[in-house]
Amino acid sequence: MTSRSGSASRSGTAGRPMTATEEDFVRTLGQVMSALPRGVEQDMARAGRLPLSEYTALMHLSEAEGRTMRMSELALASNLSLSGMTRIVQRLEKRELVARAKCDADGRGWNAVLTDAGLAALEDSWPVHLASVRRRVLDHLPDEDLPRLTEVLKRIADTA
């Protein structure tokens, strides 16, 4: 049986123990998933910039139409619970980096809106974030490997 990408499906091997290579990959992927955000967070804190969770929320808002997203969509995009995103947005609101407004469409939900001050804070933090991600990830990958690795990681994310 083949998957959409044409490679052999591994679903028939679900009960088979992992090979040493598979085990090494899974453990290393877990280490990266834990260490990468922690390392970027440390770099941002050392430079006195936004915490990574706030940076991520502001980044998503900056890319949204009208710099506005429904809170639930922002939480999903940031891979956080709605309550976790609410706490982040409340912190950002206190510093006037984000405003909250009722959703025009239904009047029930809330939107997060990136302010000009929030965009300025994001732009101020961006160089530190970029340098950290380059040093921790991109500098370790040859350009020709990026498209293939991106494709594989998207397939993994789609099944998670």
N, C-alpha and C. Protein backbone atom coordinates (compact mmCIF):
# COMPACT_ATOMS: atom_id res chain seq x y z
N MET A 1 0.84 -1.17 0.00
CA MET A 1 0.00 0.00 0.00
C MET A 1 0.89 1.24 0.00
N THR A 2 0.49 2.30 -0.69
CA THR A 2 1.27 3.53 -0.74
C THR A 2 0.47 4.68 -0.20
N SER A 3 1.17 5.67 0.33
CA SER A 3 0.52 6.87 0.82
C SER A 3 0.41 7.86 -0.32
N ARG A 4 -0.18 9.03 -0.03
CA ARG A 4 -0.35 10.06 -1.06
C ARG A 4 0.97 10.43 -1.70
N SER A 5 2.04 10.42 -0.94
CA SER A 5 3.32 10.84 -1.49
C SER A 5 3.97 9.74 -2.31
N GLY A 6 3.37 8.56 -2.32
CA GLY A 6 3.92 7.47 -3.11
C GLY A 6 4.85 6.57 -2.33
N SER A 7 5.18 6.93 -1.11
CA SER A 7 6.07 6.07 -0.32
C SER A 7 5.24 4.99 0.35
N ALA A 8 5.89 3.95 0.74
CA ALA A 8 5.20 2.84 1.38
C ALA A 8 4.56 3.31 2.68
N SER A 9 3.35 2.86 2.92
CA SER A 9 2.64 3.22 4.15
C SER A 9 3.24 2.47 5.32
N ARG A 10 3.32 3.13 6.43
CA ARG A 10 3.82 2.49 7.65
C ARG A 10 2.67 2.03 8.54
N SER A 11 1.42 2.28 8.11
CA SER A 11 0.29 1.92 8.97
C SER A 11 0.22 0.42 9.22
N GLY A 12 0.71 -0.39 8.29
CA GLY A 12 0.72 -1.84 8.48
C GLY A 12 1.78 -2.30 9.45
N THR A 13 2.64 -1.40 9.88
CA THR A 13 3.72 -1.77 10.79
C THR A 13 3.49 -1.22 12.20
N ALA A 14 2.26 -0.84 12.50
CA ALA A 14 1.96 -0.19 13.78
C ALA A 14 2.38 -1.01 14.99
N GLY A 15 2.25 -2.34 14.93
CA GLY A 15 2.59 -3.17 16.08
C GLY A 15 4.04 -3.60 16.13
N ARG A 16 4.79 -3.30 15.09
CA ARG A 16 6.20 -3.70 15.03
C ARG A 16 7.04 -2.71 15.83
N PRO A 17 7.95 -3.21 16.66
CA PRO A 17 8.83 -2.30 17.42
C PRO A 17 9.65 -1.42 16.48
N MET A 18 10.04 -0.27 16.98
CA MET A 18 10.85 0.64 16.18
C MET A 18 12.25 0.08 16.00
N THR A 19 12.82 0.39 14.84
CA THR A 19 14.23 0.08 14.63
C THR A 19 15.06 1.07 15.44
N ALA A 20 16.33 0.81 15.57
CA ALA A 20 17.20 1.73 16.29
C ALA A 20 17.21 3.10 15.60
N THR A 21 17.19 3.11 14.28
CA THR A 21 17.18 4.38 13.53
C THR A 21 15.88 5.14 13.77
N GLU A 22 14.75 4.43 13.76
CA GLU A 22 13.46 5.07 14.02
C GLU A 22 13.40 5.63 15.44
N GLU A 23 13.86 4.83 16.38
CA GLU A 23 13.88 5.25 17.79
C GLU A 23 14.74 6.50 17.96
N ASP A 24 15.91 6.51 17.33
CA ASP A 24 16.80 7.66 17.41
C ASP A 24 16.12 8.90 16.84
N PHE A 25 15.45 8.75 15.69
CA PHE A 25 14.76 9.88 15.08
C PHE A 25 13.66 10.42 15.99
N VAL A 26 12.82 9.55 16.52
CA VAL A 26 11.70 9.99 17.35
C VAL A 26 12.20 10.69 18.61
N ARG A 27 13.22 10.14 19.24
CA ARG A 27 13.77 10.77 20.44
C ARG A 27 14.41 12.12 20.11
N THR A 28 15.13 12.18 19.01
CA THR A 28 15.78 13.43 18.62
C THR A 28 14.74 14.49 18.26
N LEU A 29 13.69 14.09 17.56
CA LEU A 29 12.62 15.02 17.22
C LEU A 29 12.00 15.57 18.50
N GLY A 30 11.76 14.73 19.48
CA GLY A 30 11.22 15.18 20.76
C GLY A 30 12.14 16.17 21.45
N GLN A 31 13.44 15.91 21.39
CA GLN A 31 14.41 16.82 21.99
C GLN A 31 14.37 18.18 21.30
N VAL A 32 14.29 18.17 19.97
CA VAL A 32 14.24 19.42 19.21
C VAL A 32 12.96 20.18 19.56
N MET A 33 11.83 19.47 19.63
CA MET A 33 10.55 20.11 19.91
C MET A 33 10.56 20.77 21.29
N SER A 34 11.34 20.26 22.20
CA SER A 34 11.44 20.82 23.54
C SER A 34 12.52 21.91 23.61
N ALA A 35 13.68 21.62 23.04
CA ALA A 35 14.83 22.52 23.19
C ALA A 35 14.74 23.77 22.32
N LEU A 36 14.18 23.66 21.13
CA LEU A 36 14.17 24.81 20.23
C LEU A 36 13.37 25.99 20.79
N PRO A 37 12.11 25.79 21.19
CA PRO A 37 11.40 26.96 21.75
C PRO A 37 12.07 27.50 23.01
N ARG A 38 12.59 26.61 23.84
CA ARG A 38 13.26 27.05 25.07
C ARG A 38 14.49 27.89 24.72
N GLY A 39 15.26 27.46 23.74
CA GLY A 39 16.46 28.21 23.35
C GLY A 39 16.13 29.57 22.73
N VAL A 40 15.13 29.61 21.87
CA VAL A 40 14.72 30.89 21.27
C VAL A 40 14.19 31.81 22.36
N GLU A 41 13.41 31.26 23.28
CA GLU A 41 12.90 32.04 24.41
C GLU A 41 14.04 32.65 25.22
N GLN A 42 15.08 31.87 25.48
CA GLN A 42 16.24 32.38 26.24
C GLN A 42 16.93 33.51 25.47
N ASP A 43 17.09 33.34 24.17
CA ASP A 43 17.73 34.38 23.37
C ASP A 43 16.91 35.68 23.40
N MET A 44 15.59 35.53 23.30
CA MET A 44 14.71 36.71 23.32
C MET A 44 14.79 37.40 24.69
N ALA A 45 14.79 36.62 25.76
CA ALA A 45 14.86 37.20 27.11
C ALA A 45 16.20 37.88 27.34
N ARG A 46 17.28 37.23 26.91
CA ARG A 46 18.61 37.82 27.09
C ARG A 46 18.71 39.18 26.40
N ALA A 47 18.04 39.31 25.26
CA ALA A 47 18.08 40.56 24.50
C ALA A 47 17.02 41.55 24.97
N GLY A 48 16.22 41.16 25.97
CA GLY A 48 15.19 42.05 26.49
C GLY A 48 14.04 42.25 25.52
N ARG A 49 13.75 41.22 24.74
CA ARG A 49 12.66 41.32 23.76
C ARG A 49 11.44 40.55 24.25
N LEU A 50 10.42 40.51 23.41
CA LEU A 50 9.17 39.84 23.76
C LEU A 50 9.40 38.37 24.10
N PRO A 51 8.64 37.84 25.05
CA PRO A 51 8.65 36.39 25.24
C PRO A 51 8.16 35.71 23.96
N LEU A 52 8.61 34.50 23.71
CA LEU A 52 8.27 33.80 22.47
C LEU A 52 6.76 33.65 22.30
N SER A 53 6.03 33.37 23.37
CA SER A 53 4.57 33.21 23.25
C SER A 53 3.91 34.51 22.79
N GLU A 54 4.38 35.63 23.29
CA GLU A 54 3.83 36.92 22.88
C GLU A 54 4.27 37.25 21.45
N TYR A 55 5.52 36.99 21.14
CA TYR A 55 6.03 37.22 19.78
C TYR A 55 5.18 36.43 18.77
N THR A 56 4.91 35.17 19.08
CA THR A 56 4.15 34.31 18.18
C THR A 56 2.75 34.86 17.96
N ALA A 57 2.09 35.28 19.02
CA ALA A 57 0.75 35.85 18.89
C ALA A 57 0.77 37.11 18.03
N LEU A 58 1.72 38.00 18.30
CA LEU A 58 1.81 39.24 17.52
C LEU A 58 2.16 38.95 16.06
N MET A 59 3.00 37.96 15.83
CA MET A 59 3.37 37.58 14.46
C MET A 59 2.12 37.16 13.68
N HIS A 60 1.31 36.27 14.28
CA HIS A 60 0.10 35.81 13.60
C HIS A 60 -0.86 36.97 13.34
N LEU A 61 -0.99 37.86 14.30
CA LEU A 61 -1.86 39.01 14.11
C LEU A 61 -1.34 39.92 12.99
N SER A 62 -0.03 40.08 12.92
CA SER A 62 0.55 40.95 11.88
C SER A 62 0.31 40.41 10.48
N GLU A 63 0.13 39.11 10.38
CA GLU A 63 -0.08 38.47 9.07
C GLU A 63 -1.56 38.34 8.70
N ALA A 64 -2.44 38.61 9.66
CA ALA A 64 -3.88 38.46 9.44
C ALA A 64 -4.45 39.70 8.76
N GLU A 65 -5.52 39.49 8.03
CA GLU A 65 -6.21 40.61 7.38
C GLU A 65 -6.68 41.59 8.44
N GLY A 66 -6.35 42.85 8.25
CA GLY A 66 -6.73 43.88 9.21
C GLY A 66 -6.03 43.74 10.55
N ARG A 67 -4.96 42.93 10.59
CA ARG A 67 -4.22 42.67 11.83
C ARG A 67 -5.16 42.22 12.95
N THR A 68 -6.18 41.43 12.55
CA THR A 68 -7.23 41.00 13.49
C THR A 68 -7.49 39.51 13.32
N MET A 69 -7.63 38.82 14.45
CA MET A 69 -8.00 37.40 14.43
C MET A 69 -8.96 37.12 15.58
N ARG A 70 -9.87 36.21 15.33
CA ARG A 70 -10.73 35.72 16.40
C ARG A 70 -9.83 35.02 17.43
N MET A 71 -10.10 35.18 18.69
CA MET A 71 -9.26 34.62 19.74
C MET A 71 -9.05 33.12 19.56
N SER A 72 -10.10 32.40 19.22
CA SER A 72 -9.97 30.95 19.06
C SER A 72 -9.05 30.60 17.89
N GLU A 73 -9.09 31.39 16.83
CA GLU A 73 -8.21 31.15 15.68
C GLU A 73 -6.77 31.48 16.03
N LEU A 74 -6.58 32.54 16.80
CA LEU A 74 -5.23 32.91 17.23
C LEU A 74 -4.65 31.83 18.13
N ALA A 75 -5.46 31.29 19.02
CA ALA A 75 -5.01 30.21 19.90
C ALA A 75 -4.60 29.00 19.08
N LEU A 76 -5.43 28.63 18.11
CA LEU A 76 -5.13 27.48 17.25
C LEU A 76 -3.84 27.72 16.47
N ALA A 77 -3.70 28.89 15.87
CA ALA A 77 -2.50 29.20 15.08
C ALA A 77 -1.24 29.18 15.95
N SER A 78 -1.38 29.54 17.21
CA SER A 78 -0.25 29.59 18.13
C SER A 78 -0.04 28.29 18.89
N ASN A 79 -0.89 27.30 18.61
CA ASN A 79 -0.82 25.99 19.26
C ASN A 79 -0.98 26.10 20.77
N LEU A 80 -1.97 26.91 21.17
CA LEU A 80 -2.27 27.10 22.59
C LEU A 80 -3.75 26.86 22.83
N SER A 81 -4.11 26.63 24.08
CA SER A 81 -5.52 26.56 24.44
C SER A 81 -6.09 27.98 24.39
N LEU A 82 -7.40 28.06 24.32
CA LEU A 82 -8.04 29.38 24.32
C LEU A 82 -7.75 30.11 25.62
N SER A 83 -7.76 29.40 26.74
CA SER A 83 -7.48 30.06 28.02
C SER A 83 -6.03 30.54 28.08
N GLY A 84 -5.11 29.76 27.53
CA GLY A 84 -3.71 30.19 27.49
C GLY A 84 -3.53 31.42 26.63
N MET A 85 -4.21 31.45 25.47
CA MET A 85 -4.11 32.62 24.60
C MET A 85 -4.77 33.83 25.25
N THR A 86 -5.86 33.61 25.97
CA THR A 86 -6.53 34.72 26.66
C THR A 86 -5.58 35.37 27.65
N ARG A 87 -4.83 34.56 28.40
CA ARG A 87 -3.86 35.12 29.36
C ARG A 87 -2.78 35.93 28.64
N ILE A 88 -2.30 35.43 27.52
CA ILE A 88 -1.27 36.16 26.76
C ILE A 88 -1.84 37.48 26.25
N VAL A 89 -3.02 37.43 25.67
CA VAL A 89 -3.63 38.66 25.13
C VAL A 89 -3.92 39.65 26.25
N GLN A 90 -4.30 39.19 27.41
CA GLN A 90 -4.51 40.11 28.54
C GLN A 90 -3.22 40.82 28.91
N ARG A 91 -2.11 40.09 28.93
CA ARG A 91 -0.81 40.73 29.20
C ARG A 91 -0.48 41.75 28.12
N LEU A 92 -0.73 41.39 26.87
CA LEU A 92 -0.45 42.30 25.75
C LEU A 92 -1.36 43.53 25.79
N GLU A 93 -2.60 43.32 26.19
CA GLU A 93 -3.55 44.44 26.32
C GLU A 93 -3.07 45.45 27.36
N LYS A 94 -2.57 44.97 28.48
CA LYS A 94 -2.10 45.86 29.54
C LYS A 94 -0.98 46.77 29.05
N ARG A 95 -0.21 46.29 28.10
CA ARG A 95 0.89 47.08 27.54
C ARG A 95 0.48 47.78 26.24
N GLU A 96 -0.81 47.68 25.92
CA GLU A 96 -1.41 48.32 24.74
C GLU A 96 -0.78 47.86 23.43
N LEU A 97 -0.35 46.59 23.41
CA LEU A 97 0.20 45.99 22.19
C LEU A 97 -0.90 45.31 21.37
N VAL A 98 -1.98 44.97 22.06
CA VAL A 98 -3.15 44.33 21.44
C VAL A 98 -4.39 44.94 22.08
N ALA A 99 -5.45 45.01 21.28
CA ALA A 99 -6.76 45.40 21.81
C ALA A 99 -7.71 44.25 21.53
N ARG A 100 -8.71 44.11 22.36
CA ARG A 100 -9.75 43.11 22.09
C ARG A 100 -11.03 43.82 21.71
N ALA A 101 -11.75 43.22 20.76
CA ALA A 101 -13.01 43.78 20.28
C ALA A 101 -13.98 42.65 20.01
N LYS A 102 -15.26 42.92 20.25
CA LYS A 102 -16.29 41.92 19.94
C LYS A 102 -16.26 41.63 18.45
N CYS A 103 -16.54 40.38 18.11
CA CYS A 103 -16.60 39.99 16.70
C CYS A 103 -17.82 40.64 16.05
N ASP A 104 -17.60 41.32 14.94
CA ASP A 104 -18.70 41.94 14.21
C ASP A 104 -19.65 40.89 13.65
N ALA A 105 -19.10 39.75 13.24
CA ALA A 105 -19.90 38.73 12.54
C ALA A 105 -21.02 38.17 13.41
N ASP A 106 -20.73 37.89 14.68
CA ASP A 106 -21.77 37.26 15.49
C ASP A 106 -21.96 37.94 16.86
N GLY A 107 -21.08 38.82 17.24
CA GLY A 107 -21.23 39.51 18.51
C GLY A 107 -20.97 38.66 19.74
N ARG A 108 -20.66 37.38 19.54
CA ARG A 108 -20.42 36.49 20.69
C ARG A 108 -18.95 36.36 21.01
N GLY A 109 -18.15 36.16 19.99
CA GLY A 109 -16.72 35.93 20.20
C GLY A 109 -15.94 37.22 20.30
N TRP A 110 -14.67 37.06 20.56
CA TRP A 110 -13.76 38.20 20.68
C TRP A 110 -12.67 38.10 19.64
N ASN A 111 -12.26 39.26 19.15
CA ASN A 111 -11.13 39.37 18.25
C ASN A 111 -9.96 39.98 19.00
N ALA A 112 -8.77 39.57 18.63
CA ALA A 112 -7.56 40.25 19.08
C ALA A 112 -7.11 41.12 17.91
N VAL A 113 -6.75 42.36 18.20
CA VAL A 113 -6.37 43.33 17.17
C VAL A 113 -4.98 43.86 17.50
N LEU A 114 -4.06 43.72 16.58
CA LEU A 114 -2.70 44.22 16.77
C LEU A 114 -2.69 45.74 16.66
N THR A 115 -2.17 46.40 17.67
CA THR A 115 -2.06 47.87 17.65
C THR A 115 -0.77 48.28 16.95
N ASP A 116 -0.64 49.57 16.68
CA ASP A 116 0.60 50.08 16.10
C ASP A 116 1.78 49.84 17.06
N ALA A 117 1.53 50.00 18.36
CA ALA A 117 2.58 49.74 19.35
C ALA A 117 2.96 48.26 19.35
N GLY A 118 1.99 47.39 19.15
CA GLY A 118 2.27 45.96 19.08
C GLY A 118 3.10 45.62 17.86
N LEU A 119 2.77 46.24 16.74
CA LEU A 119 3.56 46.01 15.52
C LEU A 119 4.99 46.50 15.72
N ALA A 120 5.15 47.63 16.38
CA ALA A 120 6.49 48.16 16.65
C ALA A 120 7.28 47.22 17.56
N ALA A 121 6.62 46.65 18.58
CA ALA A 121 7.29 45.70 19.47
C ALA A 121 7.69 44.44 18.72
N LEU A 122 6.82 43.98 17.84
CA LEU A 122 7.13 42.81 17.01
C LEU A 122 8.34 43.10 16.12
N GLU A 123 8.33 44.25 15.47
CA GLU A 123 9.45 44.62 14.59
C GLU A 123 10.75 44.77 15.36
N ASP A 124 10.67 45.24 16.60
CA ASP A 124 11.85 45.38 17.45
C ASP A 124 12.42 44.01 17.84
N SER A 125 11.53 43.04 18.05
CA SER A 125 11.95 41.70 18.47
C SER A 125 12.35 40.80 17.30
N TRP A 126 11.88 41.13 16.12
CA TRP A 126 12.10 40.27 14.96
C TRP A 126 13.57 39.95 14.69
N PRO A 127 14.50 40.91 14.70
CA PRO A 127 15.90 40.57 14.41
C PRO A 127 16.49 39.54 15.38
N VAL A 128 16.13 39.64 16.66
CA VAL A 128 16.64 38.69 17.65
C VAL A 128 16.05 37.30 17.38
N HIS A 129 14.75 37.25 17.11
CA HIS A 129 14.09 35.98 16.80
C HIS A 129 14.73 35.36 15.55
N LEU A 130 14.91 36.15 14.51
CA LEU A 130 15.50 35.66 13.27
C LEU A 130 16.90 35.11 13.50
N ALA A 131 17.72 35.84 14.21
CA ALA A 131 19.10 35.40 14.47
C ALA A 131 19.11 34.09 15.26
N SER A 132 18.22 33.98 16.22
CA SER A 132 18.15 32.77 17.03
C SER A 132 17.73 31.56 16.19
N VAL A 133 16.69 31.73 15.39
CA VAL A 133 16.21 30.63 14.55
C VAL A 133 17.26 30.25 13.52
N ARG A 134 17.93 31.24 12.94
CA ARG A 134 19.00 30.92 11.97
C ARG A 134 20.10 30.10 12.64
N ARG A 135 20.56 30.57 13.80
CA ARG A 135 21.67 29.91 14.49
C ARG A 135 21.28 28.51 14.97
N ARG A 136 20.06 28.36 15.46
CA ARG A 136 19.64 27.10 16.06
C ARG A 136 19.11 26.08 15.05
N VAL A 137 18.63 26.55 13.88
CA VAL A 137 18.03 25.63 12.92
C VAL A 137 18.62 25.77 11.53
N LEU A 138 18.39 26.91 10.92
CA LEU A 138 18.68 27.06 9.49
C LEU A 138 20.15 26.91 9.14
N ASP A 139 21.03 27.34 10.02
CA ASP A 139 22.47 27.21 9.76
C ASP A 139 22.93 25.75 9.73
N HIS A 140 22.09 24.84 10.20
CA HIS A 140 22.43 23.42 10.24
C HIS A 140 21.86 22.64 9.05
N LEU A 141 21.13 23.32 8.18
CA LEU A 141 20.47 22.65 7.05
C LEU A 141 20.93 23.23 5.72
N PRO A 142 21.43 22.38 4.85
CA PRO A 142 21.73 22.87 3.50
C PRO A 142 20.44 23.31 2.81
N ASP A 143 20.50 24.37 2.02
CA ASP A 143 19.31 24.90 1.35
C ASP A 143 18.56 23.84 0.56
N GLU A 144 19.29 22.92 -0.05
CA GLU A 144 18.63 21.91 -0.89
C GLU A 144 17.82 20.90 -0.05
N ASP A 145 18.10 20.80 1.25
CA ASP A 145 17.35 19.89 2.12
C ASP A 145 16.05 20.50 2.65
N LEU A 146 15.95 21.83 2.65
CA LEU A 146 14.80 22.50 3.26
C LEU A 146 13.46 22.11 2.65
N PRO A 147 13.30 22.09 1.32
CA PRO A 147 11.98 21.73 0.78
C PRO A 147 11.54 20.32 1.18
N ARG A 148 12.43 19.36 1.14
CA ARG A 148 12.09 17.98 1.48
C ARG A 148 11.77 17.85 2.97
N LEU A 149 12.59 18.45 3.82
CA LEU A 149 12.34 18.40 5.26
C LEU A 149 11.02 19.08 5.59
N THR A 150 10.74 20.21 4.97
CA THR A 150 9.47 20.92 5.18
C THR A 150 8.29 20.04 4.79
N GLU A 151 8.40 19.36 3.67
CA GLU A 151 7.33 18.46 3.20
C GLU A 151 7.08 17.34 4.22
N VAL A 152 8.13 16.74 4.71
CA VAL A 152 7.99 15.65 5.68
C VAL A 152 7.39 16.17 6.98
N LEU A 153 7.85 17.31 7.47
CA LEU A 153 7.33 17.84 8.73
C LEU A 153 5.85 18.25 8.58
N LYS A 154 5.47 18.74 7.43
CA LYS A 154 4.06 19.07 7.20
C LYS A 154 3.21 17.81 7.23
N ARG A 155 3.70 16.72 6.65
CA ARG A 155 2.95 15.46 6.70
C ARG A 155 2.80 14.99 8.14
N ILE A 156 3.87 15.11 8.91
CA ILE A 156 3.80 14.70 10.33
C ILE A 156 2.79 15.59 11.06
N ALA A 157 2.85 16.89 10.85
CA ALA A 157 1.93 17.81 11.51
C ALA A 157 0.48 17.54 11.11
N ASP A 158 0.25 17.18 9.87
CA ASP A 158 -1.11 16.92 9.38
C ASP A 158 -1.73 15.69 10.04
N THR A 159 -0.92 14.77 10.53
CA THR A 159 -1.46 13.56 11.15
C THR A 159 -1.50 13.65 12.66
N ALA A 160 -0.91 14.72 13.21
CA ALA A 160 -0.87 14.87 14.68
C ALA A 160 -2.22 15.23 15.25
